[in-house]
Structures are given as C-alpha cells and as structure tokens.
C-alpha cells in the first residue's frame, strides 16, 4: 500500500519514506518516479510515503535531515538511510531483494520517538516558529530586521527572568527564609579546660 505524509504509524511494518521540501528542485525531479513507486507497491507489503520537513512539528523534525531529498527505509521501527541511485528500478530491487538489510540501523537515541529526538524536534519546531514571526515582522509589519532580532532574543529572556523570579517568590512565600538554630539556654556537655593552679608559696620560717 502507499501512504502520503506519513507523520505517524511507521513503527510497524515496512516503509520507504522520502523527506523533502516543496522548494527543493532535486525533490521535484524525483516526484513522478516516487508516485510510480507508490503505485507499484500498492498491492504489496511496502508502504511508500513522503514527509514535508517544512511543516511544523513532525517526525521529519526528528530525523536529523541534513540534505534533501533524503530517503529512509523503516522496518518494524528500525531506521536506515538509503543513499543509492534515485531510480525507480533500483528502488524496486532495493525493496524486493531486501537490500536494506545491508545498511546500518539508527542507534536508539537517533530514532524518532526517543526522548533526545523528541526534544530536538521541539527545538526545531520552535526555531521555525521564531523564523515565521521574524518574517512577518520584517515583511508585513515593516519592522527593521535588527529590531526584530533584538526583540525575539530579548522578549524570551525577559519572560524567562520573570518566571524565575516568580518561582523564587513562590518558594519564599511557601517555605520562608531558613531560621537560625535556637541556642538560648544551650549548655555544652564539655567542661571548659581548667587553668592549672599556681603552686602556693612556701611560708617563710619565722
């Protein structure tokens, strides 16, 4: 069967996934071949899918895509990167003859869904949102670019500072300042050292 924009549900079964961006010329050059591959796999156990890495928080943010298009093979949650020729005949052979078994799988921390990759994906999504705001401020609101950059840096820092101060104030209100130990009436069990008495002077004989 074939699937488009497979954001989730790829942890089981066999998938061949293309990570792409709409503006990428190389991605557009293989678009038709990818559609044909999906039609070929429609009555087979392979799932042919594609992920637009420019769209918000998705599994695409967690794949650490450094160039596009990048092709991923997934079998029962095990991720591999395909780096062979971009040809439909080669792709068919890659799937039918299980050539993907020769490729190295991702380590556990590199897999989408792992805690490190979820955090990374959230950071990427946040960066994309900030970039969208910057584009709006500079292109639509006619804000000077340097003002936009300073504002996007200063405002989060200021908000973080306010949150920090609010946490400190709340903690102080709930628990107060630590009290010094109570020492009134405290007596030490140790006796102070005694100064040795000076020897008495012998009486002079009269």
N, C-alpha and C. Protein backbone atom coordinates (compact mmCIF):
# COMPACT_ATOMS: atom_id res chain seq x y z
N UNK A 1 0.84 -1.18 0.00
CA UNK A 1 0.00 0.00 0.00
C UNK A 1 0.88 1.24 0.00
N UNK A 2 0.31 2.38 -0.34
CA UNK A 2 1.07 3.62 -0.37
C UNK A 2 0.45 4.61 0.60
N UNK A 3 1.27 5.49 1.15
CA UNK A 3 0.76 6.50 2.07
C UNK A 3 1.49 7.80 1.82
N UNK A 4 0.81 8.92 2.00
CA UNK A 4 1.40 10.23 1.77
C UNK A 4 1.41 10.99 3.10
N UNK A 5 2.56 11.72 3.34
CA UNK A 5 2.72 12.49 4.57
C UNK A 5 2.52 11.61 5.81
N UNK A 6 3.28 10.53 5.88
CA UNK A 6 3.16 9.58 6.99
C UNK A 6 3.86 10.13 8.21
N UNK A 7 3.15 10.95 8.96
CA UNK A 7 3.75 11.58 10.13
C UNK A 7 3.87 10.59 11.28
N UNK A 8 2.94 9.67 11.37
CA UNK A 8 2.92 8.73 12.47
C UNK A 8 2.56 7.33 11.94
N UNK A 9 2.66 6.34 12.81
CA UNK A 9 2.26 4.99 12.44
C UNK A 9 3.30 4.22 11.68
N UNK A 10 4.56 4.63 11.70
CA UNK A 10 5.59 3.94 10.94
C UNK A 10 6.45 3.05 11.83
N UNK A 11 6.02 2.83 13.05
CA UNK A 11 6.80 1.99 13.95
C UNK A 11 6.58 0.50 13.69
N UNK A 12 5.64 0.17 12.84
CA UNK A 12 5.41 -1.23 12.49
C UNK A 12 5.28 -1.34 10.98
N UNK A 13 5.59 -2.51 10.45
CA UNK A 13 5.55 -2.73 9.02
C UNK A 13 6.80 -2.22 8.33
N UNK A 14 6.76 -2.19 7.00
CA UNK A 14 7.90 -1.76 6.20
C UNK A 14 7.54 -0.49 5.44
N UNK A 15 8.43 0.52 5.57
CA UNK A 15 8.19 1.83 4.97
C UNK A 15 9.41 2.28 4.18
N UNK A 16 9.13 2.98 3.09
CA UNK A 16 10.16 3.67 2.33
C UNK A 16 9.70 5.12 2.24
N UNK A 17 10.45 6.02 2.87
CA UNK A 17 9.98 7.39 3.09
C UNK A 17 10.92 8.39 2.44
N UNK A 18 10.34 9.36 1.78
CA UNK A 18 11.09 10.47 1.19
C UNK A 18 10.88 11.72 2.03
N UNK A 19 11.98 12.29 2.55
CA UNK A 19 11.92 13.58 3.24
C UNK A 19 12.25 14.65 2.22
N UNK A 20 11.35 15.62 2.07
CA UNK A 20 11.51 16.61 1.00
C UNK A 20 11.05 17.98 1.48
N UNK A 21 11.30 18.98 0.65
CA UNK A 21 10.77 20.33 0.84
C UNK A 21 10.18 20.78 -0.49
N UNK A 22 9.07 21.52 -0.47
CA UNK A 22 8.40 21.92 -1.71
C UNK A 22 9.27 22.75 -2.65
N UNK A 23 10.20 23.53 -2.08
CA UNK A 23 11.03 24.40 -2.91
C UNK A 23 12.26 23.70 -3.47
N UNK A 24 12.47 22.45 -3.11
CA UNK A 24 13.68 21.72 -3.50
C UNK A 24 13.56 21.19 -4.93
N UNK A 25 14.47 21.64 -5.82
CA UNK A 25 14.44 21.20 -7.20
C UNK A 25 14.73 19.72 -7.35
N UNK A 26 15.70 19.20 -6.60
CA UNK A 26 16.03 17.78 -6.66
C UNK A 26 14.86 16.92 -6.20
N UNK A 27 14.10 17.43 -5.22
CA UNK A 27 12.92 16.71 -4.75
C UNK A 27 11.85 16.64 -5.84
N UNK A 28 11.67 17.76 -6.54
CA UNK A 28 10.67 17.77 -7.61
C UNK A 28 11.08 16.86 -8.77
N UNK A 29 12.39 16.69 -8.96
CA UNK A 29 12.85 15.87 -10.09
C UNK A 29 12.53 14.39 -9.91
N UNK A 30 12.35 13.94 -8.68
CA UNK A 30 12.03 12.53 -8.46
C UNK A 30 10.58 12.33 -8.03
N UNK A 31 9.79 13.42 -8.04
CA UNK A 31 8.41 13.34 -7.56
C UNK A 31 7.59 12.34 -8.37
N UNK A 32 7.71 12.39 -9.69
CA UNK A 32 6.92 11.50 -10.53
C UNK A 32 7.34 10.05 -10.33
N UNK A 33 8.64 9.80 -10.23
CA UNK A 33 9.12 8.43 -10.01
C UNK A 33 8.64 7.91 -8.66
N UNK A 34 8.56 8.78 -7.68
CA UNK A 34 8.09 8.36 -6.36
C UNK A 34 6.61 7.97 -6.40
N UNK A 35 5.82 8.72 -7.17
CA UNK A 35 4.40 8.37 -7.34
C UNK A 35 4.28 7.01 -8.03
N UNK A 36 5.11 6.78 -9.03
CA UNK A 36 5.08 5.49 -9.73
C UNK A 36 5.48 4.35 -8.81
N UNK A 37 6.46 4.60 -7.92
CA UNK A 37 6.85 3.58 -6.97
C UNK A 37 5.70 3.25 -6.02
N UNK A 38 4.95 4.29 -5.60
CA UNK A 38 3.80 4.06 -4.75
C UNK A 38 2.74 3.22 -5.45
N UNK A 39 2.52 3.46 -6.74
CA UNK A 39 1.54 2.67 -7.49
C UNK A 39 2.00 1.22 -7.61
N UNK A 40 3.30 1.03 -7.83
CA UNK A 40 3.85 -0.34 -7.91
C UNK A 40 3.70 -1.10 -6.59
N UNK A 41 3.86 -0.39 -5.47
CA UNK A 41 3.80 -1.04 -4.15
C UNK A 41 2.39 -1.13 -3.60
N UNK A 42 1.39 -0.67 -4.36
CA UNK A 42 0.04 -0.56 -3.83
C UNK A 42 -0.53 -1.91 -3.40
N UNK A 43 -0.17 -2.99 -4.09
CA UNK A 43 -0.69 -4.31 -3.73
C UNK A 43 0.37 -5.16 -3.03
N UNK A 44 1.37 -4.51 -2.48
CA UNK A 44 2.45 -5.22 -1.79
C UNK A 44 2.51 -4.78 -0.34
N UNK A 45 3.46 -5.37 0.40
CA UNK A 45 3.55 -5.07 1.83
C UNK A 45 4.34 -3.81 2.13
N UNK A 46 4.83 -3.13 1.09
CA UNK A 46 5.62 -1.92 1.29
C UNK A 46 4.71 -0.69 1.40
N UNK A 47 5.10 0.22 2.27
CA UNK A 47 4.40 1.50 2.39
C UNK A 47 5.32 2.59 1.86
N UNK A 48 4.90 3.27 0.81
CA UNK A 48 5.68 4.36 0.22
C UNK A 48 5.08 5.67 0.69
N UNK A 49 5.91 6.51 1.29
CA UNK A 49 5.40 7.74 1.90
C UNK A 49 6.37 8.88 1.68
N UNK A 50 5.92 10.08 1.99
CA UNK A 50 6.78 11.26 1.92
C UNK A 50 6.43 12.21 3.04
N UNK A 51 7.42 12.95 3.51
CA UNK A 51 7.25 13.87 4.63
C UNK A 51 7.79 15.24 4.22
N UNK A 52 6.95 16.25 4.34
CA UNK A 52 7.35 17.63 4.10
C UNK A 52 8.00 18.15 5.38
N UNK A 53 9.31 18.34 5.35
CA UNK A 53 10.04 18.71 6.56
C UNK A 53 9.83 20.17 6.94
N UNK A 54 9.13 20.94 6.12
CA UNK A 54 8.91 22.36 6.42
C UNK A 54 7.64 22.59 7.21
N UNK A 55 6.87 21.54 7.49
CA UNK A 55 5.57 21.71 8.13
C UNK A 55 5.62 21.36 9.61
N UNK A 56 5.85 22.38 10.43
CA UNK A 56 5.67 22.28 11.87
C UNK A 56 6.36 21.10 12.51
N UNK A 57 5.82 20.72 13.70
CA UNK A 57 6.38 19.60 14.44
C UNK A 57 5.91 18.30 13.82
N UNK A 58 6.84 17.51 13.37
CA UNK A 58 6.50 16.24 12.76
C UNK A 58 7.67 15.30 12.95
N UNK A 59 7.48 14.08 12.50
CA UNK A 59 8.58 13.13 12.58
C UNK A 59 9.76 13.59 11.73
N UNK A 60 9.48 14.44 10.74
CA UNK A 60 10.56 14.98 9.91
C UNK A 60 11.56 15.80 10.71
N UNK A 61 11.09 16.47 11.78
CA UNK A 61 12.00 17.25 12.62
C UNK A 61 12.92 16.35 13.43
N UNK A 62 12.52 15.10 13.62
CA UNK A 62 13.29 14.19 14.46
C UNK A 62 14.25 13.29 13.66
N UNK A 63 14.26 13.44 12.35
CA UNK A 63 15.08 12.57 11.51
C UNK A 63 16.47 13.12 11.24
N UNK A 64 16.76 14.34 11.75
CA UNK A 64 18.07 14.97 11.54
C UNK A 64 18.43 15.01 10.05
N UNK A 65 17.49 15.50 9.25
CA UNK A 65 17.71 15.59 7.81
C UNK A 65 18.69 16.72 7.53
N UNK A 66 19.82 16.41 6.93
CA UNK A 66 20.84 17.42 6.62
C UNK A 66 20.87 17.76 5.14
N UNK A 67 20.23 16.97 4.30
CA UNK A 67 20.13 17.28 2.88
C UNK A 67 18.83 16.69 2.35
N UNK A 68 18.31 17.30 1.31
CA UNK A 68 17.06 16.82 0.73
C UNK A 68 17.23 16.66 -0.78
N UNK A 69 16.54 15.66 -1.33
CA UNK A 69 15.73 14.68 -0.61
C UNK A 69 16.61 13.64 0.10
N UNK A 70 16.10 13.14 1.22
CA UNK A 70 16.72 12.01 1.91
C UNK A 70 15.69 10.90 1.98
N UNK A 71 16.12 9.69 1.66
CA UNK A 71 15.23 8.53 1.66
C UNK A 71 15.54 7.65 2.87
N UNK A 72 14.50 7.26 3.57
CA UNK A 72 14.63 6.41 4.75
C UNK A 72 13.88 5.10 4.54
N UNK A 73 14.51 4.03 4.95
CA UNK A 73 13.82 2.75 5.00
C UNK A 73 13.56 2.40 6.46
N UNK A 74 12.33 2.00 6.76
CA UNK A 74 11.95 1.65 8.13
C UNK A 74 11.31 0.28 8.13
N UNK A 75 11.86 -0.59 8.96
CA UNK A 75 11.30 -1.93 9.10
C UNK A 75 11.10 -2.21 10.59
N UNK A 76 9.81 -2.29 10.98
CA UNK A 76 9.46 -2.56 12.38
C UNK A 76 10.17 -1.61 13.34
N UNK A 77 10.19 -0.33 12.99
CA UNK A 77 10.77 0.68 13.85
C UNK A 77 12.26 0.88 13.72
N UNK A 78 12.93 0.08 12.90
CA UNK A 78 14.38 0.23 12.69
C UNK A 78 14.61 1.12 11.47
N UNK A 79 15.32 2.23 11.68
CA UNK A 79 15.52 3.23 10.63
C UNK A 79 16.87 3.04 9.95
N UNK A 80 16.87 3.17 8.63
CA UNK A 80 18.09 3.14 7.82
C UNK A 80 18.01 4.25 6.78
N UNK A 81 19.16 4.78 6.40
CA UNK A 81 19.21 5.82 5.38
C UNK A 81 19.63 5.19 4.06
N UNK A 82 18.82 5.42 3.03
CA UNK A 82 19.15 4.94 1.67
C UNK A 82 19.95 6.03 0.96
N UNK A 83 21.10 5.65 0.42
CA UNK A 83 21.94 6.62 -0.28
C UNK A 83 22.33 6.15 -1.68
N UNK A 84 21.55 5.22 -2.23
CA UNK A 84 21.84 4.70 -3.56
C UNK A 84 21.28 5.58 -4.67
N UNK A 85 21.31 5.08 -5.91
CA UNK A 85 20.79 5.83 -7.06
C UNK A 85 19.31 6.14 -6.91
N UNK A 86 18.89 7.29 -7.46
CA UNK A 86 17.49 7.69 -7.41
C UNK A 86 16.79 7.24 -8.68
N UNK A 87 16.51 5.97 -8.73
CA UNK A 87 15.88 5.36 -9.91
C UNK A 87 14.81 4.40 -9.43
N UNK A 88 13.67 4.43 -10.10
CA UNK A 88 12.57 3.58 -9.68
C UNK A 88 12.93 2.10 -9.77
N UNK A 89 13.70 1.70 -10.79
CA UNK A 89 14.08 0.29 -10.91
C UNK A 89 15.01 -0.13 -9.77
N UNK A 90 15.91 0.77 -9.40
CA UNK A 90 16.81 0.47 -8.28
C UNK A 90 16.02 0.42 -6.97
N UNK A 91 15.05 1.29 -6.81
CA UNK A 91 14.23 1.28 -5.59
C UNK A 91 13.43 -0.02 -5.48
N UNK A 92 12.89 -0.47 -6.61
CA UNK A 92 12.12 -1.72 -6.59
C UNK A 92 13.00 -2.89 -6.16
N UNK A 93 14.21 -2.95 -6.71
CA UNK A 93 15.13 -4.02 -6.35
C UNK A 93 15.55 -3.91 -4.89
N UNK A 94 15.75 -2.68 -4.43
CA UNK A 94 16.14 -2.43 -3.05
C UNK A 94 15.11 -3.01 -2.08
N UNK A 95 13.82 -2.87 -2.43
CA UNK A 95 12.75 -3.38 -1.58
C UNK A 95 12.52 -4.87 -1.78
N UNK A 96 12.43 -5.29 -3.05
CA UNK A 96 12.07 -6.68 -3.34
C UNK A 96 13.15 -7.66 -2.90
N UNK A 97 14.41 -7.28 -3.05
CA UNK A 97 15.51 -8.17 -2.69
C UNK A 97 16.08 -7.89 -1.30
N UNK A 98 15.41 -7.06 -0.58
CA UNK A 98 15.78 -6.74 0.81
C UNK A 98 17.23 -6.28 0.93
N UNK A 99 17.63 -5.41 0.01
CA UNK A 99 18.98 -4.88 0.07
C UNK A 99 19.18 -3.96 1.28
N UNK A 100 18.09 -3.51 1.86
CA UNK A 100 18.16 -2.65 3.04
C UNK A 100 18.80 -3.36 4.23
N UNK A 101 18.81 -4.70 4.22
CA UNK A 101 19.41 -5.44 5.33
C UNK A 101 20.91 -5.19 5.45
N UNK A 102 21.53 -4.71 4.37
CA UNK A 102 22.97 -4.44 4.39
C UNK A 102 23.30 -3.09 5.03
N UNK A 103 22.29 -2.25 5.22
CA UNK A 103 22.51 -0.91 5.74
C UNK A 103 22.52 -0.92 7.26
N UNK A 104 23.27 0.02 7.83
CA UNK A 104 23.35 0.15 9.28
C UNK A 104 22.10 0.84 9.81
N UNK A 105 21.59 0.34 10.93
CA UNK A 105 20.40 0.93 11.53
C UNK A 105 20.77 2.10 12.45
N UNK A 106 19.80 2.96 12.69
CA UNK A 106 19.99 4.07 13.61
C UNK A 106 20.20 3.53 15.03
N UNK A 107 21.02 4.25 15.81
CA UNK A 107 21.13 3.96 17.23
C UNK A 107 19.83 4.34 17.92
N UNK A 108 19.62 3.83 19.14
CA UNK A 108 18.34 4.05 19.83
C UNK A 108 18.04 5.53 20.02
N UNK A 109 19.09 6.33 20.30
CA UNK A 109 18.85 7.74 20.57
C UNK A 109 18.60 8.55 19.31
N UNK A 110 18.88 7.97 18.14
CA UNK A 110 18.62 8.66 16.87
C UNK A 110 17.23 8.38 16.32
N UNK A 111 16.54 7.40 16.89
CA UNK A 111 15.25 7.02 16.35
C UNK A 111 14.18 8.07 16.68
N UNK A 112 13.33 8.41 15.72
CA UNK A 112 12.20 9.29 16.02
C UNK A 112 11.33 8.66 17.11
N UNK A 113 10.92 9.47 18.06
CA UNK A 113 10.14 8.97 19.17
C UNK A 113 10.95 8.82 20.44
N UNK A 114 12.28 8.73 20.31
CA UNK A 114 13.12 8.67 21.50
C UNK A 114 13.12 10.04 22.17
N UNK A 115 13.44 10.08 23.46
CA UNK A 115 13.42 11.34 24.21
C UNK A 115 14.36 12.37 23.59
N UNK A 116 15.63 12.02 23.25
CA UNK A 116 16.51 13.04 22.64
C UNK A 116 15.95 13.60 21.34
N UNK A 117 15.37 12.74 20.50
CA UNK A 117 14.86 13.21 19.22
C UNK A 117 13.57 14.01 19.38
N UNK A 118 12.78 13.68 20.39
CA UNK A 118 11.58 14.49 20.65
C UNK A 118 11.96 15.90 21.07
N UNK A 119 12.97 15.99 21.94
CA UNK A 119 13.44 17.31 22.37
C UNK A 119 14.00 18.08 21.19
N UNK A 120 14.80 17.39 20.36
CA UNK A 120 15.37 18.03 19.18
C UNK A 120 14.27 18.50 18.24
N UNK A 121 13.25 17.67 18.05
CA UNK A 121 12.14 18.05 17.18
C UNK A 121 11.40 19.27 17.68
N UNK A 122 11.20 19.35 19.00
CA UNK A 122 10.54 20.51 19.58
C UNK A 122 11.37 21.77 19.39
N UNK A 123 12.69 21.65 19.54
CA UNK A 123 13.56 22.80 19.34
C UNK A 123 13.52 23.28 17.89
N UNK A 124 13.52 22.33 16.96
CA UNK A 124 13.43 22.70 15.54
C UNK A 124 12.10 23.40 15.26
N UNK A 125 11.03 22.86 15.81
CA UNK A 125 9.72 23.47 15.60
C UNK A 125 9.67 24.88 16.18
N UNK A 126 10.26 25.06 17.36
CA UNK A 126 10.30 26.39 17.97
C UNK A 126 11.10 27.36 17.10
N UNK A 127 12.23 26.89 16.58
CA UNK A 127 13.05 27.75 15.72
C UNK A 127 12.28 28.15 14.46
N UNK A 128 11.51 27.22 13.92
CA UNK A 128 10.72 27.53 12.73
C UNK A 128 9.64 28.56 13.04
N UNK A 129 9.02 28.45 14.22
CA UNK A 129 8.00 29.44 14.62
C UNK A 129 8.62 30.82 14.78
N UNK A 130 9.81 30.86 15.40
CA UNK A 130 10.51 32.14 15.57
C UNK A 130 10.84 32.75 14.21
N UNK A 131 11.27 31.90 13.28
CA UNK A 131 11.58 32.40 11.94
C UNK A 131 10.33 32.94 11.23
N UNK A 132 9.19 32.28 11.44
CA UNK A 132 7.94 32.77 10.86
C UNK A 132 7.57 34.13 11.42
N UNK A 133 7.75 34.29 12.73
CA UNK A 133 7.45 35.59 13.36
C UNK A 133 8.38 36.67 12.82
N UNK A 134 9.66 36.31 12.68
CA UNK A 134 10.63 37.28 12.14
C UNK A 134 10.26 37.70 10.72
N UNK A 135 9.86 36.73 9.90
CA UNK A 135 9.44 37.05 8.53
C UNK A 135 8.23 37.97 8.52
N UNK A 136 7.29 37.71 9.41
CA UNK A 136 6.09 38.56 9.46
C UNK A 136 6.46 39.99 9.88
N UNK A 137 7.30 40.10 10.92
CA UNK A 137 7.65 41.43 11.41
C UNK A 137 8.41 42.25 10.37
N UNK A 138 9.31 41.60 9.64
CA UNK A 138 10.14 42.34 8.70
C UNK A 138 9.45 42.57 7.36
N UNK A 139 8.58 41.65 6.94
CA UNK A 139 7.98 41.76 5.61
C UNK A 139 6.57 42.36 5.63
N UNK A 140 5.81 42.04 6.67
CA UNK A 140 4.44 42.53 6.74
C UNK A 140 4.32 43.79 7.60
N UNK A 141 4.99 43.78 8.75
CA UNK A 141 4.88 44.91 9.67
C UNK A 141 5.97 45.96 9.43
N UNK A 142 6.87 45.71 8.49
CA UNK A 142 7.95 46.65 8.14
C UNK A 142 8.83 47.03 9.33
N UNK A 143 9.05 46.08 10.22
CA UNK A 143 9.96 46.30 11.36
C UNK A 143 11.39 46.08 10.86
N UNK A 144 12.32 46.98 11.19
CA UNK A 144 13.72 46.77 10.79
C UNK A 144 14.23 45.42 11.27
N UNK A 145 15.01 44.72 10.44
CA UNK A 145 15.48 43.37 10.82
C UNK A 145 16.21 43.32 12.15
N UNK A 146 17.09 44.32 12.43
CA UNK A 146 17.85 44.26 13.68
C UNK A 146 16.94 44.44 14.89
N UNK A 147 15.87 45.25 14.73
CA UNK A 147 14.91 45.42 15.83
C UNK A 147 14.16 44.11 16.07
N UNK A 148 13.79 43.44 14.98
CA UNK A 148 13.10 42.16 15.11
C UNK A 148 13.97 41.13 15.82
N UNK A 149 15.24 41.05 15.43
CA UNK A 149 16.15 40.08 16.04
C UNK A 149 16.34 40.37 17.52
N UNK A 150 16.57 41.65 17.85
CA UNK A 150 16.76 42.02 19.26
C UNK A 150 15.51 41.70 20.08
N UNK A 151 14.35 42.01 19.51
CA UNK A 151 13.11 41.73 20.21
C UNK A 151 12.88 40.24 20.42
N UNK A 152 13.15 39.43 19.40
CA UNK A 152 12.94 37.99 19.52
C UNK A 152 13.92 37.34 20.49
N UNK A 153 15.06 37.99 20.73
CA UNK A 153 16.00 37.48 21.73
C UNK A 153 15.67 38.01 23.11
N UNK A 154 15.36 39.31 23.19
CA UNK A 154 15.16 39.95 24.50
C UNK A 154 13.86 39.51 25.16
N UNK A 155 12.79 39.39 24.38
CA UNK A 155 11.49 39.06 24.98
C UNK A 155 11.51 37.69 25.66
N UNK A 156 12.01 36.60 25.00
CA UNK A 156 12.08 35.31 25.72
C UNK A 156 12.95 35.36 26.97
N UNK A 157 14.07 36.11 26.90
CA UNK A 157 14.93 36.23 28.08
C UNK A 157 14.20 36.94 29.21
N UNK A 158 13.47 37.99 28.88
CA UNK A 158 12.73 38.74 29.88
C UNK A 158 11.64 37.88 30.50
N UNK A 159 10.92 37.15 29.67
CA UNK A 159 9.87 36.26 30.18
C UNK A 159 10.47 35.18 31.07
N UNK A 160 11.62 34.62 30.66
CA UNK A 160 12.28 33.60 31.48
C UNK A 160 12.68 34.17 32.83
N UNK A 161 13.18 35.41 32.83
CA UNK A 161 13.56 36.06 34.08
C UNK A 161 12.35 36.25 34.99
N UNK A 162 11.22 36.69 34.41
CA UNK A 162 10.02 36.86 35.21
C UNK A 162 9.55 35.54 35.81
N UNK A 163 9.61 34.47 35.02
CA UNK A 163 9.20 33.15 35.52
C UNK A 163 10.12 32.71 36.66
N UNK A 164 11.42 32.96 36.48
CA UNK A 164 12.39 32.59 37.52
C UNK A 164 12.10 33.35 38.82
N UNK A 165 11.89 34.66 38.71
CA UNK A 165 11.61 35.47 39.89
C UNK A 165 10.29 35.05 40.54
N UNK A 166 9.31 34.69 39.73
CA UNK A 166 8.03 34.24 40.28
C UNK A 166 8.21 32.94 41.05
N UNK A 167 9.05 32.04 40.53
CA UNK A 167 9.31 30.77 41.23
C UNK A 167 10.01 31.04 42.57
N UNK A 168 11.00 31.95 42.55
CA UNK A 168 11.71 32.28 43.79
C UNK A 168 10.74 32.89 44.80
N UNK A 169 9.88 33.80 44.34
CA UNK A 169 8.92 34.44 45.24
C UNK A 169 7.95 33.42 45.82
N UNK A 170 7.49 32.51 45.00
CA UNK A 170 6.56 31.47 45.47
C UNK A 170 7.23 30.58 46.50
N UNK A 171 8.47 30.18 46.23
CA UNK A 171 9.19 29.34 47.18
C UNK A 171 9.39 30.06 48.50
N UNK A 172 9.71 31.35 48.43
CA UNK A 172 9.90 32.14 49.65
C UNK A 172 8.61 32.26 50.45
N UNK A 173 7.48 32.42 49.72
CA UNK A 173 6.20 32.53 50.40
C UNK A 173 5.80 31.23 51.08
N UNK A 174 6.05 30.11 50.42
CA UNK A 174 5.63 28.81 50.94
C UNK A 174 6.51 28.34 52.09
N UNK A 175 7.79 28.52 51.95
CA UNK A 175 8.72 27.95 52.93
C UNK A 175 9.46 29.00 53.76
N UNK A 176 9.48 30.23 53.29
CA UNK A 176 10.13 31.30 54.05
C UNK A 176 11.63 31.14 54.09
N UNK A 177 12.24 32.07 54.83
CA UNK A 177 13.70 32.02 54.96
C UNK A 177 14.08 30.98 56.00
N UNK A 178 15.17 30.29 55.81
CA UNK A 178 15.60 29.31 56.81
C UNK A 178 15.97 30.01 58.12
N UNK A 179 15.52 29.45 59.25
CA UNK A 179 15.78 30.04 60.56
C UNK A 179 17.10 29.54 61.12
N UNK A 180 17.76 30.46 61.87
CA UNK A 180 19.00 30.07 62.52
C UNK A 180 18.68 29.12 63.67
N UNK A 181 19.56 28.22 64.04
CA UNK A 181 19.30 27.29 65.14
C UNK A 181 19.12 28.03 66.46
N UNK A 182 18.18 27.56 67.29
CA UNK A 182 17.86 28.17 68.57
C UNK A 182 18.92 27.76 69.60
N UNK A 183 19.61 28.74 70.18
CA UNK A 183 20.72 28.42 71.07
C UNK A 183 20.52 28.93 72.49
N UNK A 184 19.39 29.60 72.80
CA UNK A 184 19.17 30.14 74.14
C UNK A 184 19.06 28.99 75.14
N UNK A 185 19.81 29.09 76.23
CA UNK A 185 19.76 28.07 77.26
C UNK A 185 20.56 26.83 76.93
N UNK A 186 21.29 26.87 75.83
CA UNK A 186 22.07 25.70 75.42
C UNK A 186 23.33 25.62 76.26
N UNK A 187 23.60 24.47 76.79
CA UNK A 187 24.79 24.26 77.57
C UNK A 187 25.59 23.13 76.97
N UNK A 188 26.86 23.35 76.87
CA UNK A 188 27.72 22.33 76.29
C UNK A 188 28.00 21.26 77.32
N UNK A 189 28.07 20.04 76.87
CA UNK A 189 28.39 18.93 77.77
C UNK A 189 29.87 18.86 78.08
N UNK A 190 30.67 19.62 77.34
CA UNK A 190 32.10 19.63 77.56
C UNK A 190 32.43 20.68 78.62
N UNK A 191 33.23 20.31 79.56
CA UNK A 191 33.67 21.24 80.59
C UNK A 191 34.81 22.07 80.04
N UNK A 192 34.80 23.39 80.33
CA UNK A 192 35.90 24.22 79.84
C UNK A 192 37.20 23.79 80.49
N UNK A 193 38.25 23.86 79.76
CA UNK A 193 39.55 23.45 80.33
C UNK A 193 39.91 24.32 81.53
N UNK A 194 40.42 23.69 82.58
CA UNK A 194 40.78 24.41 83.79
C UNK A 194 42.23 24.83 83.74
N UNK A 195 42.46 26.06 84.18
CA UNK A 195 43.82 26.57 84.22
C UNK A 195 44.53 26.00 85.44
N UNK A 196 45.64 25.35 85.24
CA UNK A 196 46.34 24.75 86.41
C UNK A 196 46.66 25.82 87.45
N UNK A 197 46.41 25.50 88.73
CA UNK A 197 46.65 26.46 89.82
C UNK A 197 48.15 26.64 90.05
N UNK A 198 48.52 27.88 90.37
CA UNK A 198 49.93 28.15 90.61
C UNK A 198 50.32 27.57 91.97
N UNK A 199 51.49 27.00 92.06
CA UNK A 199 51.92 26.42 93.36
C UNK A 199 51.97 27.48 94.43
N UNK A 200 51.45 27.15 95.62
CA UNK A 200 51.43 28.11 96.72
C UNK A 200 52.84 28.36 97.23
N UNK A 201 53.11 29.62 97.58
CA UNK A 201 54.43 29.98 98.10
C UNK A 201 54.63 29.41 99.50
N UNK A 202 55.77 28.85 99.67
CA UNK A 202 56.08 28.31 100.99
C UNK A 202 56.19 29.41 102.01
N UNK A 203 55.64 29.14 103.16
CA UNK A 203 55.71 30.14 104.24
C UNK A 203 57.14 30.27 104.74
N UNK A 204 57.54 31.44 104.90
CA UNK A 204 58.88 31.68 105.47
C UNK A 204 58.89 31.38 106.96
N UNK A 205 59.96 30.68 107.34
CA UNK A 205 60.10 30.39 108.76
C UNK A 205 60.40 31.66 109.51
N UNK A 206 59.70 31.79 110.54
CA UNK A 206 59.96 32.95 111.36
C UNK A 206 61.21 32.72 112.24
